[in-house]
C-alpha atoms as a PDB file:
ATOM      1  CA  MET A   1     133.003 -97.527  55.119  1.00  0.00           C
ATOM      2  CA  THR A   2     134.398 -95.298  52.335  1.00  0.00           C
ATOM      3  CA  ALA A   3     137.881 -96.765  52.820  1.00  0.00           C
ATOM      4  CA  LEU A   4     136.468-100.299  52.714  1.00  0.00           C
ATOM      5  CA  ILE A   5     134.653 -99.662  49.425  1.00  0.00           C
ATOM      6  CA  ALA A   6     137.767 -98.071  47.914  1.00  0.00           C
ATOM      7  CA  ALA A   7     139.877-101.036  49.040  1.00  0.00           C
ATOM      8  CA  LEU A   8     137.429-103.541  47.523  1.00  0.00           C
ATOM      9  CA  VAL A   9     137.188-101.722  44.179  1.00  0.00           C
ATOM     10  CA  ALA A  10     140.944-101.157  43.893  1.00  0.00           C
ATOM     11  CA  GLY A  11     141.650-104.752  44.884  1.00  0.00           C
ATOM     12  CA  ALA A  12     139.300-106.070  42.217  1.00  0.00           C
ATOM     13  CA  VAL A  13     141.076-104.018  39.524  1.00  0.00           C
ATOM     14  CA  VAL A  14     144.500-105.234  40.688  1.00  0.00           C
ATOM     15  CA  GLY A  15     143.308-108.837  40.631  1.00  0.00           C
ATOM     16  CA  LEU A  16     141.791-108.494  37.163  1.00  0.00           C
ATOM     17  CA  ALA A  17     145.094-107.201  35.790  1.00  0.00           C
ATOM     18  CA  LEU A  18     147.220-109.887  37.431  1.00  0.00           C
ATOM     19  CA  GLY A  19     144.871-112.698  36.465  1.00  0.00           C
ATOM     20  CA  GLY A  20     144.320-111.535  32.916  1.00  0.00           C
ATOM     21  CA  LEU A  21     147.693-110.080  31.962  1.00  0.00           C
ATOM     22  CA  GLY A  22     150.161-111.828  34.272  1.00  0.00           C
ATOM     23  CA  GLY A  23     151.355-108.473  35.576  1.00  0.00           C
ATOM     24  CA  GLY A  24     150.596-104.793  35.840  1.00  0.00           C
ATOM     25  CA  GLY A  25     148.146-104.971  38.719  1.00  0.00           C
ATOM     26  CA  SER A  26     150.790-104.201  41.282  1.00  0.00           C
ATOM     27  CA  VAL A  27     151.633-100.868  39.674  1.00  0.00           C
ATOM     28  CA  LEU A  28     148.060 -99.834  40.393  1.00  0.00           C
ATOM     29  CA  ALA A  29     148.093-101.151  43.959  1.00  0.00           C
ATOM     30  CA  VAL A  30     150.676 -98.638  45.202  1.00  0.00           C
ATOM     31  CA  PRO A  31     148.973 -95.461  43.891  1.00  0.00           C
ATOM     32  CA  ALA A  32     145.603 -96.780  45.102  1.00  0.00           C
ATOM     33  CA  LEU A  33     147.027 -97.290  48.577  1.00  0.00           C
ATOM     34  CA  ILE A  34     148.665 -93.842  48.599  1.00  0.00           C
ATOM     35  CA  TYR A  35     145.945 -91.660  47.066  1.00  0.00           C
ATOM     36  CA  LEU A  36     142.716 -93.510  47.855  1.00  0.00           C
ATOM     37  CA  LEU A  37     143.613 -95.101  51.168  1.00  0.00           C
ATOM     38  CA  HIS A  38     146.165 -92.551  52.452  1.00  0.00           C
ATOM     39  CA  PHE A  39     149.120 -94.864  53.130  1.00  0.00           C
ATOM     40  CA  ASP A  40     152.544 -93.251  53.142  1.00  0.00           C
ATOM     41  CA  PRO A  41     154.756 -94.454  50.245  1.00  0.00           C
ATOM     42  CA  ALA A  42     156.914 -96.819  52.324  1.00  0.00           C
ATOM     43  CA  ASP A  43     153.901 -98.519  53.916  1.00  0.00           C
ATOM     44  CA  ALA A  44     152.120 -98.614  50.548  1.00  0.00           C
ATOM     45  CA  THR A  45     154.967-100.477  48.846  1.00  0.00           C
ATOM     46  CA  THR A  46     155.075-103.053  51.645  1.00  0.00           C
ATOM     47  CA  ALA A  47     151.295-103.501  51.621  1.00  0.00           C
ATOM     48  CA  ALA A  48     151.416-103.890  47.847  1.00  0.00           C
ATOM     49  CA  LEU A  49     153.918-106.731  48.228  1.00  0.00           C
ATOM     50  CA  VAL A  50     151.516-108.567  50.557  1.00  0.00           C
ATOM     51  CA  ILE A  51     148.621-108.057  48.156  1.00  0.00           C
ATOM     52  CA  VAL A  52     150.633-109.004  45.077  1.00  0.00           C
ATOM     53  CA  THR A  53     152.127-112.126  46.673  1.00  0.00           C
ATOM     54  CA  LEU A  54     148.777-113.604  47.717  1.00  0.00           C
ATOM     55  CA  THR A  55     147.044-112.611  44.487  1.00  0.00           C
ATOM     56  CA  SER A  56     149.850-113.979  42.314  1.00  0.00           C
ATOM     57  CA  VAL A  57     149.741-117.334  44.109  1.00  0.00           C
ATOM     58  CA  THR A  58     145.999-117.522  43.395  1.00  0.00           C
ATOM     59  CA  ALA A  59     146.384-116.615  39.727  1.00  0.00           C
ATOM     60  CA  LEU A  60     149.395-118.949  39.421  1.00  0.00           C
ATOM     61  CA  SER A  61     147.359-121.943  40.575  1.00  0.00           C
ATOM     62  CA  GLY A  62     144.841-121.393  37.797  1.00  0.00           C
ATOM     63  CA  HIS A  63     147.493-121.094  35.087  1.00  0.00           C
ATOM     64  CA  ALA A  64     149.347-124.110  36.480  1.00  0.00           C
ATOM     65  CA  ARG A  65     146.222-126.270  36.172  1.00  0.00           C
ATOM     66  CA  ASP A  66     146.068-125.308  32.496  1.00  0.00           C
ATOM     67  CA  GLY A  67     149.732-126.280  32.028  1.00  0.00           C
ATOM     68  CA  ASN A  68     150.843-122.715  31.298  1.00  0.00           C
ATOM     69  CA  VAL A  69     153.719-122.477  33.795  1.00  0.00           C
ATOM     70  CA  ALA A  70     157.322-123.346  32.888  1.00  0.00           C
ATOM     71  CA  TRP A  71     158.370-124.227  36.437  1.00  0.00           C
ATOM     72  CA  ARG A  72     162.081-124.869  35.955  1.00  0.00           C
ATOM     73  CA  THR A  73     162.586-121.857  33.702  1.00  0.00           C
ATOM     74  CA  GLY A  74     160.592-119.582  35.986  1.00  0.00           C
ATOM     75  CA  LEU A  75     162.409-120.667  39.139  1.00  0.00           C
ATOM     76  CA  LEU A  76     165.819-120.180  37.518  1.00  0.00           C
ATOM     77  CA  PHE A  77     164.787-116.740  36.276  1.00  0.00           C
ATOM     78  CA  ALA A  78     163.371-115.791  39.677  1.00  0.00           C
ATOM     79  CA  ALA A  79     166.419-117.082  41.564  1.00  0.00           C
ATOM     80  CA  ALA A  80     168.557-114.345  39.997  1.00  0.00           C
ATOM     81  CA  GLY A  81     166.253-111.722  41.495  1.00  0.00           C
ATOM     82  CA  VAL A  82     166.035-112.999  45.081  1.00  0.00           C
ATOM     83  CA  VAL A  83     169.133-111.274  46.477  1.00  0.00           C
ATOM     84  CA  PRO A  84     168.523-107.951  44.643  1.00  0.00           C
ATOM     85  CA  ALA A  85     164.904-107.999  45.854  1.00  0.00           C
ATOM     86  CA  MET A  86     166.006-108.481  49.458  1.00  0.00           C
ATOM     87  CA  LEU A  87     168.694-105.794  49.257  1.00  0.00           C
ATOM     88  CA  ALA A  88     166.394-103.258  47.622  1.00  0.00           C
ATOM     89  CA  GLY A  89     163.581-104.092  50.029  1.00  0.00           C
ATOM     90  CA  SER A  90     165.805-103.504  53.043  1.00  0.00           C
ATOM     91  CA  VAL A  91     166.588 -99.898  52.043  1.00  0.00           C
ATOM     92  CA  ALA A  92     163.256 -98.812  50.585  1.00  0.00           C
ATOM     93  CA  ASP A  93     161.884 -97.487  53.877  1.00  0.00           C
ATOM     94  CA  ARG A  94     164.911 -95.183  54.240  1.00  0.00           C
ATOM     95  CA  VAL A  95     164.340 -93.410  50.937  1.00  0.00           C
ATOM     96  CA  PRO A  96     162.506 -90.022  51.027  1.00  0.00           C
ATOM     97  CA  ALA A  97     158.849 -90.330  50.039  1.00  0.00           C
ATOM     98  CA  PRO A  98     159.083 -87.954  47.011  1.00  0.00           C
ATOM     99  CA  VAL A  99     161.943 -90.024  45.579  1.00  0.00           C
ATOM    100  CA  LEU A 100     159.889 -93.205  45.909  1.00  0.00           C
ATOM    101  CA  VAL A 101     156.905 -91.575  44.218  1.00  0.00           C
ATOM    102  CA  VAL A 102     158.971 -90.227  41.298  1.00  0.00           C
ATOM    103  CA  ALA A 103     160.711 -93.592  40.832  1.00  0.00           C
ATOM    104  CA  PHE A 104     157.399 -95.387  40.943  1.00  0.00           C
ATOM    105  CA  SER A 105     155.792 -93.072  38.388  1.00  0.00           C
ATOM    106  CA  ALA A 106     158.738 -93.654  36.036  1.00  0.00           C
ATOM    107  CA  VAL A 107     158.338 -97.422  36.339  1.00  0.00           C
ATOM    108  CA  ALA A 108     154.573 -97.145  35.795  1.00  0.00           C
ATOM    109  CA  ALA A 109     155.164 -95.081  32.638  1.00  0.00           C
ATOM    110  CA  LEU A 110     157.648 -97.709  31.437  1.00  0.00           C
ATOM    111  CA  ALA A 111     155.052-100.408  32.065  1.00  0.00           C
ATOM    112  CA  ALA A 112     152.473 -98.495  30.010  1.00  0.00           C
ATOM    113  CA  TRP A 113     154.962 -98.008  27.169  1.00  0.00           C
ATOM    114  CA  ARG A 114     155.817-101.709  27.105  1.00  0.00           C
ATOM    115  CA  MET A 115     152.134-102.620  26.978  1.00  0.00           C
ATOM    116  CA  LEU A 116     151.426-100.216  24.116  1.00  0.00           C
ATOM    117  CA  ARG A 117     154.214-101.580  21.939  1.00  0.00           C
ATOM    118  CA  PRO A 118     153.121-103.889  19.096  1.00  0.00           C
ATOM    119  CA  ALA A 119     152.635-107.428  20.341  1.00  0.00           C
ATOM    120  CA  ASP A 120     155.489-109.810  19.692  1.00  0.00           C
ATOM    121  CA  ALA A 121     154.636-113.454  20.120  1.00  0.00           C
ATOM    122  CA  GLY A 122     158.308-114.331  19.912  1.00  0.00           C
ATOM    123  CA  PRO A 123     159.884-117.401  18.313  1.00  0.00           C
ATOM    124  CA  ALA A 124     158.785-120.874  19.324  1.00  0.00           C
ATOM    125  CA  ALA A 125     162.170-121.557  20.878  1.00  0.00           C
ATOM    126  CA  LEU A 126     165.319-119.593  21.585  1.00  0.00           C
ATOM    127  CA  PRO A 127     168.631-120.650  23.055  1.00  0.00           C
ATOM    128  CA  VAL A 128     168.670-119.415  26.645  1.00  0.00           C
ATOM    129  CA  ARG A 129     171.417-116.879  27.295  1.00  0.00           C
ATOM    130  CA  PRO A 130     172.215-117.404  30.999  1.00  0.00           C
ATOM    131  CA  ALA A 131     174.046-114.095  31.487  1.00  0.00           C
ATOM    132  CA  ARG A 132     171.297-112.036  29.897  1.00  0.00           C
ATOM    133  CA  ALA A 133     168.538-113.973  31.645  1.00  0.00           C
ATOM    134  CA  GLY A 134     170.333-113.562  34.980  1.00  0.00           C
ATOM    135  CA  GLY A 135     170.783-109.830  34.433  1.00  0.00           C
ATOM    136  CA  VAL A 136     167.114-109.326  33.578  1.00  0.00           C
ATOM    137  CA  GLY A 137     166.044-111.457  36.537  1.00  0.00           C
ATOM    138  CA  ALA A 138     168.287-109.504  38.913  1.00  0.00           C
ATOM    139  CA  GLY A 139     166.976-106.165  37.653  1.00  0.00           C
ATOM    140  CA  LEU A 140     163.424-107.355  38.028  1.00  0.00           C
ATOM    141  CA  GLY A 141     164.107-108.441  41.600  1.00  0.00           C
ATOM    142  CA  ALA A 142     165.562-105.041  42.473  1.00  0.00           C
ATOM    143  CA  VAL A 143     162.506-103.232  41.097  1.00  0.00           C
ATOM    144  CA  THR A 144     160.216-105.560  43.062  1.00  0.00           C
ATOM    145  CA  GLY A 145     162.066-105.009  46.324  1.00  0.00           C
ATOM    146  CA  PHE A 146     162.400-101.239  46.029  1.00  0.00           C
ATOM    147  CA  LEU A 147     159.008-100.227  44.687  1.00  0.00           C
ATOM    148  CA  GLY A 148     156.750-103.049  45.871  1.00  0.00           C
ATOM    149  CA  VAL A 149     155.720-104.042  42.344  1.00  0.00           C
ATOM    150  CA  GLY A 150     155.719-107.617  41.148  1.00  0.00           C
ATOM    151  CA  GLY A 151     157.337-106.727  37.835  1.00  0.00           C
ATOM    152  CA  GLY A 152     155.128-108.862  35.607  1.00  0.00           C
ATOM    153  CA  PHE A 153     155.069-106.095  32.985  1.00  0.00           C
ATOM    154  CA  LEU A 154     158.834-106.627  32.640  1.00  0.00           C
ATOM    155  CA  ALA A 155     158.846-110.376  33.263  1.00  0.00           C
ATOM    156  CA  VAL A 156     156.434-111.265  30.450  1.00  0.00           C
ATOM    157  CA  PRO A 157     158.408-109.626  27.588  1.00  0.00           C
ATOM    158  CA  ALA A 158     161.661-110.945  29.087  1.00  0.00           C
ATOM    159  CA  LEU A 159     160.345-114.504  29.267  1.00  0.00           C
ATOM    160  CA  VAL A 160     159.205-114.230  25.653  1.00  0.00           C
ATOM    161  CA  GLY A 161     162.227-112.438  24.210  1.00  0.00           C
ATOM    162  CA  VAL A 162     165.045-113.840  26.345  1.00  0.00           C
ATOM    163  CA  LEU A 163     163.845-117.351  27.115  1.00  0.00           C
ATOM    164  CA  GLY A 164     161.610-117.973  24.099  1.00  0.00           C
ATOM    165  CA  LEU A 165     158.369-118.851  25.890  1.00  0.00           C
ATOM    166  CA  ALA A 166     155.042-118.577  24.086  1.00  0.00           C
ATOM    167  CA  MET A 167     152.977-115.609  25.287  1.00  0.00           C
ATOM    168  CA  ARG A 168     150.353-117.621  27.191  1.00  0.00           C
ATOM    169  CA  ARG A 169     153.070-119.640  28.917  1.00  0.00           C
ATOM    170  CA  ALA A 170     155.036-116.476  29.691  1.00  0.00           C
ATOM    171  CA  VAL A 171     151.994-114.971  31.434  1.00  0.00           C
ATOM    172  CA  GLY A 172     151.653-118.007  33.701  1.00  0.00           C
ATOM    173  CA  THR A 173     155.382-118.225  34.380  1.00  0.00           C
ATOM    174  CA  SER A 174     155.602-114.521  35.197  1.00  0.00           C
ATOM    175  CA  LEU A 175     153.241-115.129  38.123  1.00  0.00           C
ATOM    176  CA  LEU A 176     155.749-117.619  39.527  1.00  0.00           C
ATOM    177  CA  VAL A 177     158.545-115.053  39.174  1.00  0.00           C
ATOM    178  CA  ILE A 178     156.396-112.364  40.807  1.00  0.00           C
ATOM    179  CA  THR A 179     155.592-114.632  43.751  1.00  0.00           C
ATOM    180  CA  VAL A 180     159.227-115.539  44.433  1.00  0.00           C
ATOM    181  CA  ASN A 181     160.494-111.948  44.135  1.00  0.00           C
ATOM    182  CA  SER A 182     157.689-110.538  46.258  1.00  0.00           C
ATOM    183  CA  LEU A 183     158.295-113.078  49.025  1.00  0.00           C
ATOM    184  CA  ALA A 184     162.002-112.199  49.029  1.00  0.00           C
ATOM    185  CA  ALA A 185     161.249-108.484  49.270  1.00  0.00           C
ATOM    186  CA  LEU A 186     158.747-109.053  52.076  1.00  0.00           C
ATOM    187  CA  GLY A 187     161.313-111.077  53.995  1.00  0.00           C
ATOM    188  CA  ALA A 188     163.763-108.187  53.759  1.00  0.00           C
ATOM    189  CA  ARG A 189     161.172-105.725  55.050  1.00  0.00           C
ATOM    190  CA  ALA A 190     160.164-107.840  58.049  1.00  0.00           C
ATOM    191  CA  GLY A 191     160.987-106.048  61.281  1.00  0.00           C
ATOM    192  CA  THR A 192     161.656-102.671  59.626  1.00  0.00           C
ATOM    193  CA  GLY A 193     158.849-100.995  61.557  1.00  0.00           C
ATOM    194  CA  THR A 194     156.438-100.725  58.634  1.00  0.00           C
ATOM    195  CA  HIS A 195     152.854-100.271  59.776  1.00  0.00           C
ATOM    196  CA  LEU A 196     150.096-102.022  57.851  1.00  0.00           C
ATOM    197  CA  ASP A 197     146.421-101.303  58.423  1.00  0.00           C
ATOM    198  CA  TRP A 198     145.023-104.818  58.063  1.00  0.00           C
ATOM    199  CA  ALA A 199     141.453-103.494  58.151  1.00  0.00           C
ATOM    200  CA  VAL A 200     142.281-102.072  54.708  1.00  0.00           C
ATOM    201  CA  VAL A 201     144.929-104.525  53.436  1.00  0.00           C
ATOM    202  CA  GLY A 202     142.753-107.559  54.234  1.00  0.00           C
ATOM    203  CA  PRO A 203     139.700-106.561  52.140  1.00  0.00           C
ATOM    204  CA  PHE A 204     141.974-105.190  49.395  1.00  0.00           C
ATOM    205  CA  THR A 205     143.746-108.555  49.181  1.00  0.00           C
ATOM    206  CA  ALA A 206     140.511-110.563  49.285  1.00  0.00           C
ATOM    207  CA  ALA A 207     139.045-108.530  46.426  1.00  0.00           C
ATOM    208  CA  ALA A 208     142.274-108.896  44.441  1.00  0.00           C
ATOM    209  CA  VAL A 209     142.283-112.678  44.902  1.00  0.00           C
ATOM    210  CA  LEU A 210     138.696-112.932  43.657  1.00  0.00           C
ATOM    211  CA  GLY A 211     139.479-110.520  40.826  1.00  0.00           C
ATOM    212  CA  ALA A 212     142.386-112.711  39.704  1.00  0.00           C
ATOM    213  CA  TRP A 213     139.991-115.568  38.941  1.00  0.00           C
ATOM    214  CA  ASP A 214     137.719-113.222  36.994  1.00  0.00           C
ATOM    215  CA  GLY A 215     140.722-111.796  35.148  1.00  0.00           C
ATOM    216  CA  LYS A 216     141.742-115.228  33.945  1.00  0.00           C
ATOM    217  CA  ARG A 217     138.207-115.919  32.669  1.00  0.00           C
ATOM    218  CA  LEU A 218     137.979-112.467  31.068  1.00  0.00           C
ATOM    219  CA  ALA A 219     141.281-113.004  29.258  1.00  0.00           C
ATOM    220  CA  ALA A 220     139.818-116.121  27.655  1.00  0.00           C
ATOM    221  CA  LYS A 221     136.864-114.152  26.246  1.00  0.00           C
ATOM    222  CA  VAL A 222     138.376-110.802  25.265  1.00  0.00           C
ATOM    223  CA  ARG A 223     141.334-110.218  22.973  1.00  0.00           C
ATOM    224  CA  GLY A 224     144.417-109.913  25.161  1.00  0.00           C
ATOM    225  CA  ARG A 225     145.672-106.965  23.131  1.00  0.00           C
ATOM    226  CA  THR A 226     142.466-105.019  23.790  1.00  0.00           C
ATOM    227  CA  LEU A 227     142.716-105.567  27.552  1.00  0.00           C
ATOM    228  CA  GLN A 228     146.392-104.661  27.519  1.00  0.00           C
ATOM    229  CA  THR A 229     145.846-101.417  25.592  1.00  0.00           C
ATOM    230  CA  LEU A 230     143.041-100.210  27.867  1.00  0.00           C
ATOM    231  CA  PHE A 231     145.082-101.017  30.937  1.00  0.00           C
ATOM    232  CA  ALA A 232     148.178 -99.291  29.520  1.00  0.00           C
ATOM    233  CA  TYR A 233     146.362 -95.980  28.985  1.00  0.00           C
ATOM    234  CA  ALA A 234     144.938 -96.113  32.518  1.00  0.00           C
ATOM    235  CA  LEU A 235     148.413 -96.816  33.858  1.00  0.00           C
ATOM    236  CA  LEU A 236     149.937 -93.944  31.897  1.00  0.00           C
ATOM    237  CA  ALA A 237     147.374 -91.562  33.385  1.00  0.00           C
ATOM    238  CA  VAL A 238     148.248 -92.796  36.884  1.00  0.00           C
ATOM    239  CA  ALA A 239     151.980 -92.318  36.200  1.00  0.00           C
ATOM    240  CA  LEU A 240     151.504 -88.742  34.989  1.00  0.00           C
ATOM    241  CA  PHE A 241     149.296 -87.882  37.969  1.00  0.00           C
ATOM    242  CA  MET A 242     151.836 -89.258  40.457  1.00  0.00           C
ATOM    243  CA  LEU A 243     154.719 -87.440  38.782  1.00  0.00           C
ATOM    244  CA  ALA A 244     152.837 -84.133  38.773  1.00  0.00           C
ATOM    245  CA  ASP A 245     151.845 -84.601  42.399  1.00  0.00           C
ATOM    246  CA  ALA A 246     155.458 -85.259  43.414  1.00  0.00           C
ATOM    247  CA  LEU A 247     157.052 -82.436  41.425  1.00  0.00           C
ATOM    248  CA  VAL A 248     154.496 -79.609  41.601  1.00  0.00           C
ATOM    249  CA  PRO A 249     154.564 -77.800  44.986  1.00  0.00           C
END
């Protein structure tokens, strides 16, 4: 019963972040699975991909109905990350657990730093630089495959700064990128012997899906910058805890 409650609460928080911010929820899913639900790091990153994929699809549908998804741009951006996501996903379960935890905490700290930076709405339009966009998309795919995070915290600023999307449209489009990259990483991990406890992953995912709808509604009522700042400080605390846990005997 305790594990079920923890899964439901953690799932709701992940969904709120993905629905409201277009990213960031997945970097809470992994530590929640490791420290609250006692998954080992390799299983946690795979479970997080399942949770993030289904939750992102749900949140994406809501943003798509509002016309806030640049489908062609998002698919082109995501396409660059498919192969890196599959390659990184195929080797993640062979990496020592402490290395995964340290790498994850570094990425979580980077996510918090990006969220705390002053908001930049970006220009209304920018010429797309294919090489730069492809490089960012490939890097994002590799992070998704290796660490089980969707990468929305990197996708949103890249879609704004590299491809010139408005912030609201970048949030919706990032969910498309997350979905594609997460599916690619899951495909690479299929048959690797990862064990998932569906009695935990199922409720976690269900709560995240419901939370994604609430996150979208909450984002419409509360200043996005306020939500982002609160989430960033929580994420920074998680990153520091994970790093200390991995490095201190």
